Amino acid sequence: MEEFPNDDDGRTLKELAQYGIKKGSKIDIELYCYAKNLNTAKSICDEKFISDNYETDIFENEEAVSSLERISVYFKRNVILNYENVINEQLELNRILSEFGTKCDGWGALIDSPQ
């Protein structure tokens, strides 16, 4: 049985493996962050490295309890799925996101439910 690191990223990889998504598969992942306002979210999406390397989407949750979680920015990219690549994606995004006062707050993959 494959071993996974004992952290949030390892747990997500383990869940994906349980759905049949194996390490080394090419898959779209979505990483996300929170933005302090809509203008910041738009600036994040317009940043050159981000716009050149990710599909982006801004989501406004009017019902969010915390104003800090009201505006999310999602970053979609096709990657070879493994722990190192996931960590490197987050590190690279965090380097850029720090300029906007935020950081990557997680990631996931949209997959079909098993039948």
PDB file of N, CA and C in Angstrom:
ATOM      1  N   MET A   1       0.839  -1.188   0.000  1.00  0.00           N
ATOM      2  CA  MET A   1       0.000   0.000   0.000  1.00  0.00           C
ATOM      3  C   MET A   1       0.882   1.250   0.000  1.00  0.00           C
ATOM      4  N   GLU A   2       0.486   2.223  -0.777  1.00  0.00           N
ATOM      5  CA  GLU A   2       1.274   3.443  -0.914  1.00  0.00           C
ATOM      6  C   GLU A   2       1.218   4.274   0.366  1.00  0.00           C
ATOM      7  N   GLU A   3       2.358   4.829   0.741  1.00  0.00           N
ATOM      8  CA  GLU A   3       2.450   5.686   1.925  1.00  0.00           C
ATOM      9  C   GLU A   3       2.256   7.144   1.504  1.00  0.00           C
ATOM     10  N   PHE A   4       1.617   7.920   2.381  1.00  0.00           N
ATOM     11  CA  PHE A   4       1.389   9.333   2.125  1.00  0.00           C
ATOM     12  C   PHE A   4       1.883  10.137   3.326  1.00  0.00           C
ATOM     13  N   PRO A   5       2.431  11.323   3.084  1.00  0.00           N
ATOM     14  CA  PRO A   5       2.858  12.169   4.198  1.00  0.00           C
ATOM     15  C   PRO A   5       1.681  12.465   5.133  1.00  0.00           C
ATOM     16  N   ASN A   6       1.979  12.637   6.400  1.00  0.00           N
ATOM     17  CA  ASN A   6       0.951  12.878   7.396  1.00  0.00           C
ATOM     18  C   ASN A   6       0.699  14.385   7.552  1.00  0.00           C
ATOM     19  N   ASP A   7       0.136  14.997   6.504  1.00  0.00           N
ATOM     20  CA  ASP A   7      -0.252  16.401   6.528  1.00  0.00           C
ATOM     21  C   ASP A   7      -1.454  16.565   5.613  1.00  0.00           C
ATOM     22  N   ASP A   8      -1.968  17.789   5.504  1.00  0.00           N
ATOM     23  CA  ASP A   8      -3.160  18.020   4.686  1.00  0.00           C
ATOM     24  C   ASP A   8      -2.965  17.586   3.238  1.00  0.00           C
ATOM     25  N   ASP A   9      -1.790  17.852   2.682  1.00  0.00           N
ATOM     26  CA  ASP A   9      -1.528  17.480   1.288  1.00  0.00           C
ATOM     27  C   ASP A   9      -1.498  15.965   1.129  1.00  0.00           C
ATOM     28  N   GLY A  10      -0.862  15.286   2.058  1.00  0.00           N
ATOM     29  CA  GLY A  10      -0.818  13.825   2.027  1.00  0.00           C
ATOM     30  C   GLY A  10      -2.207  13.218   2.159  1.00  0.00           C
ATOM     31  N   ARG A  11      -3.035  13.794   3.031  1.00  0.00           N
ATOM     32  CA  ARG A  11      -4.401  13.291   3.196  1.00  0.00           C
ATOM     33  C   ARG A  11      -5.223  13.474   1.920  1.00  0.00           C
ATOM     34  N   THR A  12      -5.042  14.615   1.252  1.00  0.00           N
ATOM     35  CA  THR A  12      -5.762  14.845  -0.003  1.00  0.00           C
ATOM     36  C   THR A  12      -5.303  13.859  -1.071  1.00  0.00           C
ATOM     37  N   LEU A  13      -4.002  13.621  -1.168  1.00  0.00           N
ATOM     38  CA  LEU A  13      -3.486  12.639  -2.129  1.00  0.00           C
ATOM     39  C   LEU A  13      -4.030  11.246  -1.827  1.00  0.00           C
ATOM     40  N   LYS A  14      -4.110  10.901  -0.554  1.00  0.00           N
ATOM     41  CA  LYS A  14      -4.640   9.589  -0.157  1.00  0.00           C
ATOM     42  C   LYS A  14      -6.116   9.467  -0.557  1.00  0.00           C
ATOM     43  N   GLU A  15      -6.900  10.528  -0.339  1.00  0.00           N
ATOM     44  CA  GLU A  15      -8.304  10.507  -0.749  1.00  0.00           C
ATOM     45  C   GLU A  15      -8.432  10.344  -2.253  1.00  0.00           C
ATOM     46  N   LEU A  16      -7.598  11.052  -3.016  1.00  0.00           N
ATOM     47  CA  LEU A  16      -7.641  10.908  -4.472  1.00  0.00           C
ATOM     48  C   LEU A  16      -7.291   9.488  -4.891  1.00  0.00           C
ATOM     49  N   ALA A  17      -6.303   8.888  -4.223  1.00  0.00           N
ATOM     50  CA  ALA A  17      -5.922   7.502  -4.530  1.00  0.00           C
ATOM     51  C   ALA A  17      -7.091   6.557  -4.265  1.00  0.00           C
ATOM     52  N   GLN A  18      -7.874   6.836  -3.241  1.00  0.00           N
ATOM     53  CA  GLN A  18      -9.040   6.002  -2.939  1.00  0.00           C
ATOM     54  C   GLN A  18     -10.101   6.098  -4.027  1.00  0.00           C
ATOM     55  N   TYR A  19     -10.082   7.192  -4.790  1.00  0.00           N
ATOM     56  CA  TYR A  19     -10.979   7.352  -5.933  1.00  0.00           C
ATOM     57  C   TYR A  19     -10.348   6.835  -7.223  1.00  0.00           C
ATOM     58  N   GLY A  20      -9.165   6.238  -7.114  1.00  0.00           N
ATOM     59  CA  GLY A  20      -8.517   5.657  -8.279  1.00  0.00           C
ATOM     60  C   GLY A  20      -7.569   6.589  -9.009  1.00  0.00           C
ATOM     61  N   ILE A  21      -7.315   7.781  -8.458  1.00  0.00           N
ATOM     62  CA  ILE A  21      -6.374   8.720  -9.068  1.00  0.00           C
ATOM     63  C   ILE A  21      -4.989   8.415  -8.513  1.00  0.00           C
ATOM     64  N   LYS A  22      -4.153   7.869  -9.326  1.00  0.00           N
ATOM     65  CA  LYS A  22      -2.832   7.414  -8.886  1.00  0.00           C
ATOM     66  C   LYS A  22      -1.772   8.498  -9.003  1.00  0.00           C
ATOM     67  N   LYS A  23      -0.786   8.407  -8.141  1.00  0.00           N
ATOM     68  CA  LYS A  23       0.370   9.296  -8.214  1.00  0.00           C
ATOM     69  C   LYS A  23       0.977   9.188  -9.609  1.00  0.00           C
ATOM     70  N   GLY A  24       1.335  10.304 -10.190  1.00  0.00           N
ATOM     71  CA  GLY A  24       1.910  10.327 -11.534  1.00  0.00           C
ATOM     72  C   GLY A  24       0.881  10.565 -12.626  1.00  0.00           C
ATOM     73  N   SER A  25      -0.419  10.560 -12.260  1.00  0.00           N
ATOM     74  CA  SER A  25      -1.471  10.856 -13.235  1.00  0.00           C
ATOM     75  C   SER A  25      -1.457  12.342 -13.564  1.00  0.00           C
ATOM     76  N   LYS A  26      -1.817  12.682 -14.801  1.00  0.00           N
ATOM     77  CA  LYS A  26      -2.025  14.091 -15.166  1.00  0.00           C
ATOM     78  C   LYS A  26      -3.455  14.433 -14.775  1.00  0.00           C
ATOM     79  N   ILE A  27      -3.585  15.500 -13.976  1.00  0.00           N
ATOM     80  CA  ILE A  27      -4.900  15.852 -13.456  1.00  0.00           C
ATOM     81  C   ILE A  27      -4.970  17.366 -13.238  1.00  0.00           C
ATOM     82  N   ASP A  28      -6.174  17.902 -13.389  1.00  0.00           N
ATOM     83  CA  ASP A  28      -6.386  19.308 -13.058  1.00  0.00           C
ATOM     84  C   ASP A  28      -6.555  19.435 -11.557  1.00  0.00           C
ATOM     85  N   ILE A  29      -5.755  20.309 -10.957  1.00  0.00           N
ATOM     86  CA  ILE A  29      -5.947  20.623  -9.550  1.00  0.00           C
ATOM     87  C   ILE A  29      -6.343  22.091  -9.442  1.00  0.00           C
ATOM     88  N   GLU A  30      -7.061  22.406  -8.386  1.00  0.00           N
ATOM     89  CA  GLU A  30      -7.418  23.785  -8.093  1.00  0.00           C
ATOM     90  C   GLU A  30      -6.850  24.156  -6.736  1.00  0.00           C
ATOM     91  N   LEU A  31      -6.072  25.213  -6.742  1.00  0.00           N
ATOM     92  CA  LEU A  31      -5.562  25.789  -5.506  1.00  0.00           C
ATOM     93  C   LEU A  31      -6.370  27.051  -5.267  1.00  0.00           C
ATOM     94  N   TYR A  32      -6.420  27.515  -4.031  1.00  0.00           N
ATOM     95  CA  TYR A  32      -7.184  28.724  -3.790  1.00  0.00           C
ATOM     96  C   TYR A  32      -6.570  29.571  -2.685  1.00  0.00           C
ATOM     97  N   CYS A  33      -6.986  30.838  -2.685  1.00  0.00           N
ATOM     98  CA  CYS A  33      -6.613  31.778  -1.635  1.00  0.00           C
ATOM     99  C   CYS A  33      -7.802  32.677  -1.383  1.00  0.00           C
ATOM    100  N   TYR A  34      -7.732  33.421  -0.304  1.00  0.00           N
ATOM    101  CA  TYR A  34      -8.728  34.447  -0.017  1.00  0.00           C
ATOM    102  C   TYR A  34      -8.123  35.807  -0.338  1.00  0.00           C
ATOM    103  N   ALA A  35      -8.951  36.710  -0.826  1.00  0.00           N
ATOM    104  CA  ALA A  35      -8.503  38.069  -1.141  1.00  0.00           C
ATOM    105  C   ALA A  35      -9.267  39.051  -0.258  1.00  0.00           C
ATOM    106  N   LYS A  36      -8.603  40.134   0.121  1.00  0.00           N
ATOM    107  CA  LYS A  36      -9.238  41.082   1.046  1.00  0.00           C
ATOM    108  C   LYS A  36     -10.370  41.868   0.400  1.00  0.00           C
ATOM    109  N   ASN A  37     -10.342  41.983  -0.930  1.00  0.00           N
ATOM    110  CA  ASN A  37     -11.433  42.669  -1.635  1.00  0.00           C
ATOM    111  C   ASN A  37     -11.404  42.261  -3.106  1.00  0.00           C
ATOM    112  N   LEU A  38     -12.430  42.688  -3.826  1.00  0.00           N
ATOM    113  CA  LEU A  38     -12.557  42.298  -5.231  1.00  0.00           C
ATOM    114  C   LEU A  38     -11.431  42.866  -6.087  1.00  0.00           C
ATOM    115  N   ASN A  39     -11.005  44.085  -5.819  1.00  0.00           N
ATOM    116  CA  ASN A  39      -9.905  44.672  -6.596  1.00  0.00           C
ATOM    117  C   ASN A  39      -8.620  43.861  -6.415  1.00  0.00           C
ATOM    118  N   THR A  40      -8.347  43.418  -5.193  1.00  0.00           N
ATOM    119  CA  THR A  40      -7.160  42.582  -4.955  1.00  0.00           C
ATOM    120  C   THR A  40      -7.292  41.270  -5.708  1.00  0.00           C
ATOM    121  N   ALA A  41      -8.474  40.659  -5.680  1.00  0.00           N
ATOM    122  CA  ALA A  41      -8.697  39.398  -6.387  1.00  0.00           C
ATOM    123  C   ALA A  41      -8.433  39.564  -7.880  1.00  0.00           C
ATOM    124  N   LYS A  42      -8.922  40.657  -8.450  1.00  0.00           N
ATOM    125  CA  LYS A  42      -8.694  40.911  -9.885  1.00  0.00           C
ATOM    126  C   LYS A  42      -7.211  41.142 -10.168  1.00  0.00           C
ATOM    127  N   SER A  43      -6.532  41.847  -9.274  1.00  0.00           N
ATOM    128  CA  SER A  43      -5.090  42.078  -9.455  1.00  0.00           C
ATOM    129  C   SER A  43      -4.312  40.772  -9.396  1.00  0.00           C
ATOM    130  N   ILE A  44      -4.718  39.878  -8.510  1.00  0.00           N
ATOM    131  CA  ILE A  44      -4.067  38.567  -8.422  1.00  0.00           C
ATOM    132  C   ILE A  44      -4.221  37.832  -9.755  1.00  0.00           C
ATOM    133  N   CYS A  45      -5.430  37.825 -10.278  1.00  0.00           N
ATOM    134  CA  CYS A  45      -5.686  37.116 -11.546  1.00  0.00           C
ATOM    135  C   CYS A  45      -4.941  37.739 -12.716  1.00  0.00           C
ATOM    136  N   ASP A  46      -4.693  39.039 -12.659  1.00  0.00           N
ATOM    137  CA  ASP A  46      -4.001  39.738 -13.743  1.00  0.00           C
ATOM    138  C   ASP A  46      -2.481  39.652 -13.653  1.00  0.00           C
ATOM    139  N   GLU A  47      -1.955  39.190 -12.511  1.00  0.00           N
ATOM    140  CA  GLU A  47      -0.503  39.077 -12.348  1.00  0.00           C
ATOM    141  C   GLU A  47       0.035  38.157 -13.442  1.00  0.00           C
ATOM    142  N   LYS A  48       1.138  38.538 -14.088  1.00  0.00           N
ATOM    143  CA  LYS A  48       1.615  37.855 -15.300  1.00  0.00           C
ATOM    144  C   LYS A  48       1.867  36.375 -15.116  1.00  0.00           C
ATOM    145  N   PHE A  49       2.633  35.973 -14.097  1.00  0.00           N
ATOM    146  CA  PHE A  49       2.913  34.543 -13.919  1.00  0.00           C
ATOM    147  C   PHE A  49       1.614  33.764 -13.735  1.00  0.00           C
ATOM    148  N   ILE A  50       0.717  34.315 -12.948  1.00  0.00           N
ATOM    149  CA  ILE A  50      -0.547  33.627 -12.691  1.00  0.00           C
ATOM    150  C   ILE A  50      -1.379  33.542 -13.964  1.00  0.00           C
ATOM    151  N   SER A  51      -1.531  34.651 -14.675  1.00  0.00           N
ATOM    152  CA  SER A  51      -2.357  34.629 -15.887  1.00  0.00           C
ATOM    153  C   SER A  51      -1.743  33.758 -16.981  1.00  0.00           C
ATOM    154  N   ASP A  52      -0.422  33.619 -16.992  1.00  0.00           N
ATOM    155  CA  ASP A  52       0.248  32.774 -17.994  1.00  0.00           C
ATOM    156  C   ASP A  52       0.177  31.280 -17.653  1.00  0.00           C
ATOM    157  N   ASN A  53      -0.028  30.927 -16.389  1.00  0.00           N
ATOM    158  CA  ASN A  53       0.108  29.537 -15.973  1.00  0.00           C
ATOM    159  C   ASN A  53      -1.136  28.896 -15.372  1.00  0.00           C
ATOM    160  N   TYR A  54      -2.151  29.677 -15.083  1.00  0.00           N
ATOM    161  CA  TYR A  54      -3.349  29.136 -14.438  1.00  0.00           C
ATOM    162  C   TYR A  54      -4.611  29.675 -15.084  1.00  0.00           C
ATOM    163  N   GLU A  55      -5.658  28.849 -15.069  1.00  0.00           N
ATOM    164  CA  GLU A  55      -7.001  29.359 -15.306  1.00  0.00           C
ATOM    165  C   GLU A  55      -7.464  29.871 -13.951  1.00  0.00           C
ATOM    166  N   THR A  56      -7.992  31.076 -13.907  1.00  0.00           N
ATOM    167  CA  THR A  56      -8.399  31.649 -12.619  1.00  0.00           C
ATOM    168  C   THR A  56      -9.897  31.924 -12.595  1.00  0.00           C
ATOM    169  N   ASP A  57     -10.428  31.944 -11.387  1.00  0.00           N
ATOM    170  CA  ASP A  57     -11.831  32.248 -11.181  1.00  0.00           C
ATOM    171  C   ASP A  57     -11.970  32.938  -9.827  1.00  0.00           C
ATOM    172  N   ILE A  58     -12.815  33.932  -9.770  1.00  0.00           N
ATOM    173  CA  ILE A  58     -13.085  34.643  -8.524  1.00  0.00           C
ATOM    174  C   ILE A  58     -14.480  34.249  -8.052  1.00  0.00           C
ATOM    175  N   PHE A  59     -14.583  33.929  -6.776  1.00  0.00           N
ATOM    176  CA  PHE A  59     -15.861  33.543  -6.191  1.00  0.00           C
ATOM    177  C   PHE A  59     -16.157  34.457  -5.006  1.00  0.00           C
ATOM    178  N   GLU A  60     -17.339  35.067  -5.034  1.00  0.00           N
ATOM    179  CA  GLU A  60     -17.776  35.915  -3.924  1.00  0.00           C
ATOM    180  C   GLU A  60     -18.859  35.182  -3.142  1.00  0.00           C
ATOM    181  N   ASN A  61     -18.609  34.961  -1.854  1.00  0.00           N
ATOM    182  CA  ASN A  61     -19.557  34.287  -0.985  1.00  0.00           C
ATOM    183  C   ASN A  61     -20.186  35.330  -0.066  1.00  0.00           C
ATOM    184  N   GLU A  62     -21.332  35.810  -0.449  1.00  0.00           N
ATOM    185  CA  GLU A  62     -22.023  36.847   0.316  1.00  0.00           C
ATOM    186  C   GLU A  62     -22.439  36.358   1.698  1.00  0.00           C
ATOM    187  N   GLU A  63     -22.543  35.049   1.876  1.00  0.00           N
ATOM    188  CA  GLU A  63     -22.996  34.483   3.140  1.00  0.00           C
ATOM    189  C   GLU A  63     -21.854  34.090   4.075  1.00  0.00           C
ATOM    190  N   ALA A  64     -20.629  34.372   3.688  1.00  0.00           N
ATOM    191  CA  ALA A  64     -19.480  34.003   4.525  1.00  0.00           C
ATOM    192  C   ALA A  64     -19.590  34.684   5.888  1.00  0.00           C
ATOM    193  N   VAL A  65     -19.298  33.922   6.932  1.00  0.00           N
ATOM    194  CA  VAL A  65     -19.342  34.455   8.293  1.00  0.00           C
ATOM    195  C   VAL A  65     -18.218  35.461   8.491  1.00  0.00           C
ATOM    196  N   SER A  66     -17.044  35.146   7.980  1.00  0.00           N
ATOM    197  CA  SER A  66     -15.883  36.013   8.126  1.00  0.00           C
ATOM    198  C   SER A  66     -15.691  36.831   6.847  1.00  0.00           C
ATOM    199  N   SER A  67     -15.453  38.127   7.007  1.00  0.00           N
ATOM    200  CA  SER A  67     -15.185  38.957   5.831  1.00  0.00           C
ATOM    201  C   SER A  67     -13.891  38.542   5.150  1.00  0.00           C
ATOM    202  N   LEU A  68     -12.995  37.880   5.908  1.00  0.00           N
ATOM    203  CA  LEU A  68     -11.727  37.415   5.339  1.00  0.00           C
ATOM    204  C   LEU A  68     -11.933  36.255   4.366  1.00  0.00           C
ATOM    205  N   GLU A  69     -13.079  35.594   4.438  1.00  0.00           N
ATOM    206  CA  GLU A  69     -13.347  34.445   3.569  1.00  0.00           C
ATOM    207  C   GLU A  69     -14.453  34.740   2.561  1.00  0.00           C
ATOM    208  N   ARG A  70     -14.749  36.009   2.353  1.00  0.00           N
ATOM    209  CA  ARG A  70     -15.835  36.384   1.445  1.00  0.00           C
ATOM    210  C   ARG A  70     -15.442  36.266  -0.022  1.00  0.00           C
ATOM    211  N   ILE A  71     -14.189  36.566  -0.354  1.00  0.00           N
ATOM    212  CA  ILE A  71     -13.748  36.536  -1.754  1.00  0.00           C
ATOM    213  C   ILE A  71     -12.613  35.535  -1.898  1.00  0.00           C
ATOM    214  N   SER A  72     -12.822  34.539  -2.754  1.00  0.00           N
ATOM    215  CA  SER A  72     -11.821  33.501  -3.012  1.00  0.00           C
ATOM    216  C   SER A  72     -11.341  33.610  -4.449  1.00  0.00           C
ATOM    217  N   VAL A  73     -10.083  33.275  -4.655  1.00  0.00           N
ATOM    218  CA  VAL A  73      -9.528  33.176  -6.003  1.00  0.00           C
ATOM    219  C   VAL A  73      -9.082  31.729  -6.188  1.00  0.00           C
ATOM    220  N   TYR A  74      -9.529  31.117  -7.272  1.00  0.00           N
ATOM    221  CA  TYR A  74      -9.173  29.735  -7.590  1.00  0.00           C
ATOM    222  C   TYR A  74      -8.210  29.719  -8.766  1.00  0.00           C
ATOM    223  N   PHE A  75      -7.239  28.814  -8.678  1.00  0.00           N
ATOM    224  CA  PHE A  75      -6.193  28.669  -9.692  1.00  0.00           C
ATOM    225  C   PHE A  75      -6.206  27.219 -10.179  1.00  0.00           C
ATOM    226  N   LYS A  76      -6.567  27.007 -11.435  1.00  0.00           N
ATOM    227  CA  LYS A  76      -6.615  25.646 -11.979  1.00  0.00           C
ATOM    228  C   LYS A  76      -5.430  25.425 -12.903  1.00  0.00           C
ATOM    229  N   ARG A  77      -4.812  24.249 -12.745  1.00  0.00           N
ATOM    230  CA  ARG A  77      -3.659  23.898 -13.575  1.00  0.00           C
ATOM    231  C   ARG A  77      -3.577  22.387 -13.702  1.00  0.00           C
ATOM    232  N   ASN A  78      -3.175  21.917 -14.874  1.00  0.00           N
ATOM    233  CA  ASN A  78      -2.973  20.495 -15.108  1.00  0.00           C
ATOM    234  C   ASN A  78      -1.555  20.134 -14.680  1.00  0.00           C
ATOM    235  N   VAL A  79      -1.428  19.169 -13.770  1.00  0.00           N
ATOM    236  CA  VAL A  79      -0.121  18.788 -13.236  1.00  0.00           C
ATOM    237  C   VAL A  79       0.020  17.272 -13.224  1.00  0.00           C
ATOM    238  N   ILE A  80       1.254  16.827 -13.117  1.00  0.00           N
ATOM    239  CA  ILE A  80       1.516  15.421 -12.815  1.00  0.00           C
ATOM    240  C   ILE A  80       1.386  15.303 -11.311  1.00  0.00           C
ATOM    241  N   LEU A  81       0.443  14.501 -10.873  1.00  0.00           N
ATOM    242  CA  LEU A  81       0.079  14.442  -9.459  1.00  0.00           C
ATOM    243  C   LEU A  81       1.115  13.683  -8.634  1.00  0.00           C
ATOM    244  N   ASN A  82       1.789  14.406  -7.772  1.00  0.00           N
ATOM    245  CA  ASN A  82       2.626  13.816  -6.736  1.00  0.00           C
ATOM    246  C   ASN A  82       2.843  14.871  -5.659  1.00  0.00           C
ATOM    247  N   TYR A  83       3.302  14.431  -4.514  1.00  0.00           N
ATOM    248  CA  TYR A  83       3.445  15.309  -3.358  1.00  0.00           C
ATOM    249  C   TYR A  83       4.359  16.497  -3.657  1.00  0.00           C
ATOM    250  N   GLU A  84       5.489  16.236  -4.272  1.00  0.00           N
ATOM    251  CA  GLU A  84       6.457  17.293  -4.551  1.00  0.00           C
ATOM    252  C   GLU A  84       5.865  18.366  -5.461  1.00  0.00           C
ATOM    253  N   ASN A  85       5.139  17.949  -6.498  1.00  0.00           N
ATOM    254  CA  ASN A  85       4.544  18.925  -7.413  1.00  0.00           C
ATOM    255  C   ASN A  85       3.492  19.781  -6.710  1.00  0.00           C
ATOM    256  N   VAL A  86       2.687  19.162  -5.857  1.00  0.00           N
ATOM    257  CA  VAL A  86       1.670  19.912  -5.114  1.00  0.00           C
ATOM    258  C   VAL A  86       2.334  20.933  -4.195  1.00  0.00           C
ATOM    259  N   ILE A  87       3.366  20.518  -3.486  1.00  0.00           N
ATOM    260  CA  ILE A  87       4.088  21.433  -2.596  1.00  0.00           C
ATOM    261  C   ILE A  87       4.717  22.568  -3.397  1.00  0.00           C
ATOM    262  N   ASN A  88       5.353  22.242  -4.519  1.00  0.00           N
ATOM    263  CA  ASN A  88       5.999  23.272  -5.346  1.00  0.00           C
ATOM    264  C   ASN A  88       4.990  24.263  -5.921  1.00  0.00           C
ATOM    265  N   GLU A  89       3.809  23.777  -6.318  1.00  0.00           N
ATOM    266  CA  GLU A  89       2.764  24.680  -6.809  1.00  0.00           C
ATOM    267  C   GLU A  89       2.380  25.680  -5.724  1.00  0.00           C
ATOM    268  N   GLN A  90       2.201  25.186  -4.507  1.00  0.00           N
ATOM    269  CA  GLN A  90       1.819  26.063  -3.401  1.00  0.00           C
ATOM    270  C   GLN A  90       2.927  27.057  -3.058  1.00  0.00           C
ATOM    271  N   LEU A  91       4.165  26.604  -3.063  1.00  0.00           N
ATOM    272  CA  LEU A  91       5.282  27.499  -2.764  1.00  0.00           C
ATOM    273  C   LEU A  91       5.392  28.606  -3.801  1.00  0.00           C
ATOM    274  N   GLU A  92       5.253  28.242  -5.072  1.00  0.00           N
ATOM    275  CA  GLU A  92       5.351  29.243  -6.145  1.00  0.00           C
ATOM    276  C   GLU A  92       4.208  30.249  -6.045  1.00  0.00           C
ATOM    277  N   LEU A  93       2.999  29.748  -5.823  1.00  0.00           N
ATOM    278  CA  LEU A  93       1.875  30.665  -5.665  1.00  0.00           C
ATOM    279  C   LEU A  93       2.066  31.567  -4.446  1.00  0.00           C
ATOM    280  N   ASN A  94       2.517  30.992  -3.338  1.00  0.00           N
ATOM    281  CA  ASN A  94       2.703  31.788  -2.122  1.00  0.00           C
ATOM    282  C   ASN A  94       3.736  32.891  -2.312  1.00  0.00           C
ATOM    283  N   ARG A  95       4.753  32.618  -3.116  1.00  0.00           N
ATOM    284  CA  ARG A  95       5.754  33.644  -3.393  1.00  0.00           C
ATOM    285  C   ARG A  95       5.085  34.860  -4.036  1.00  0.00           C
ATOM    286  N   ILE A  96       4.198  34.625  -4.965  1.00  0.00           N
ATOM    287  CA  ILE A  96       3.511  35.708  -5.657  1.00  0.00           C
ATOM    288  C   ILE A  96       2.390  36.288  -4.796  1.00  0.00           C
ATOM    289  N   LEU A  97       1.624  35.421  -4.151  1.00  0.00           N
ATOM    290  CA  LEU A  97       0.483  35.880  -3.356  1.00  0.00           C
ATOM    291  C   LEU A  97       0.895  36.740  -2.166  1.00  0.00           C
ATOM    292  N   SER A  98       2.108  36.543  -1.677  1.00  0.00           N
ATOM    293  CA  SER A  98       2.568  37.354  -0.541  1.00  0.00           C
ATOM    294  C   SER A  98       2.561  38.842  -0.890  1.00  0.00           C
ATOM    295  N   GLU A  99       2.760  39.158  -2.165  1.00  0.00           N
ATOM    296  CA  GLU A  99       2.713  40.557  -2.614  1.00  0.00           C
ATOM    297  C   GLU A  99       1.317  41.154  -2.456  1.00  0.00           C
ATOM    298  N   PHE A 100       0.297  40.288  -2.344  1.00  0.00           N
ATOM    299  CA  PHE A 100      -1.089  40.721  -2.227  1.00  0.00           C
ATOM    300  C   PHE A 100      -1.636  40.504  -0.814  1.00  0.00           C
ATOM    301  N   GLY A 101      -0.765  40.127   0.107  1.00  0.00           N
ATOM    302  CA  GLY A 101      -1.173  39.950   1.495  1.00  0.00           C
ATOM    303  C   GLY A 101      -1.986  38.700   1.762  1.00  0.00           C
ATOM    304  N   THR A 102      -1.767  37.652   0.961  1.00  0.00           N
ATOM    305  CA  THR A 102      -2.507  36.411   1.148  1.00  0.00           C
ATOM    306  C   THR A 102      -1.603  35.226   0.864  1.00  0.00           C
ATOM    307  N   LYS A 103      -2.152  34.021   0.959  1.00  0.00           N
ATOM    308  CA  LYS A 103      -1.395  32.800   0.671  1.00  0.00           C
ATOM    309  C   LYS A 103      -2.349  31.715   0.222  1.00  0.00           C
ATOM    310  N   CYS A 104      -1.794  30.696  -0.376  1.00  0.00           N
ATOM    311  CA  CYS A 104      -2.564  29.529  -0.787  1.00  0.00           C
ATOM    312  C   CYS A 104      -3.159  28.890   0.469  1.00  0.00           C
ATOM    313  N   ASP A 105      -4.466  28.634   0.435  1.00  0.00           N
ATOM    314  CA  ASP A 105      -5.132  28.100   1.617  1.00  0.00           C
ATOM    315  C   ASP A 105      -5.587  26.658   1.429  1.00  0.00           C
ATOM    316  N   GLY A 106      -5.213  26.051   0.330  1.00  0.00           N
ATOM    317  CA  GLY A 106      -5.572  24.653   0.109  1.00  0.00           C
ATOM    318  C   GLY A 106      -5.677  24.341  -1.366  1.00  0.00           C
ATOM    319  N   TRP A 107      -6.000  23.074  -1.627  1.00  0.00           N
ATOM    320  CA  TRP A 107      -6.125  22.628  -3.007  1.00  0.00           C
ATOM    321  C   TRP A 107      -7.009  21.398  -3.052  1.00  0.00           C
ATOM    322  N   GLY A 108      -7.443  21.069  -4.235  1.00  0.00           N
ATOM    323  CA  GLY A 108      -8.231  19.874  -4.441  1.00  0.00           C
ATOM    324  C   GLY A 108      -8.308  19.572  -5.914  1.00  0.00           C
ATOM    325  N   ALA A 109      -9.039  18.532  -6.221  1.00  0.00           N
ATOM    326  CA  ALA A 109      -9.222  18.110  -7.610  1.00  0.00           C
ATOM    327  C   ALA A 109     -10.687  17.767  -7.806  1.00  0.00           C
ATOM    328  N   LEU A 110     -11.234  18.192  -8.930  1.00  0.00           N
ATOM    329  CA  LEU A 110     -12.603  17.834  -9.258  1.00  0.00           C
ATOM    330  C   LEU A 110     -12.566  16.518 -10.012  1.00  0.00           C
ATOM    331  N   ILE A 111     -13.177  15.519  -9.409  1.00  0.00           N
ATOM    332  CA  ILE A 111     -13.199  14.199 -10.032  1.00  0.00           C
ATOM    333  C   ILE A 111     -14.626  13.677 -10.016  1.00  0.00           C
ATOM    334  N   ASP A 112     -14.897  12.732 -10.912  1.00  0.00           N
ATOM    335  CA  ASP A 112     -16.210  12.100 -10.933  1.00  0.00           C
ATOM    336  C   ASP A 112     -16.308  11.115  -9.785  1.00  0.00           C
ATOM    337  N   SER A 113     -17.476  11.041  -9.203  1.00  0.00           N
ATOM    338  CA  SER A 113     -17.697  10.067  -8.130  1.00  0.00           C
ATOM    339  C   SER A 113     -17.666   8.658  -8.710  1.00  0.00           C
ATOM    340  N   PRO A 114     -17.108   7.708  -7.936  1.00  0.00           N
ATOM    341  CA  PRO A 114     -17.119   6.327  -8.441  1.00  0.00           C
ATOM    342  C   PRO A 114     -18.549   5.814  -8.524  1.00  0.00           C
ATOM    343  N   GLN A 115     -18.818   4.988  -9.497  1.00  0.00           N
ATOM    344  CA  GLN A 115     -20.170   4.429  -9.690  1.00  0.00           C
ATOM    345  C   GLN A 115     -20.404   3.262  -8.782  1.00  0.00           C
TER     346      GLN A 115
END
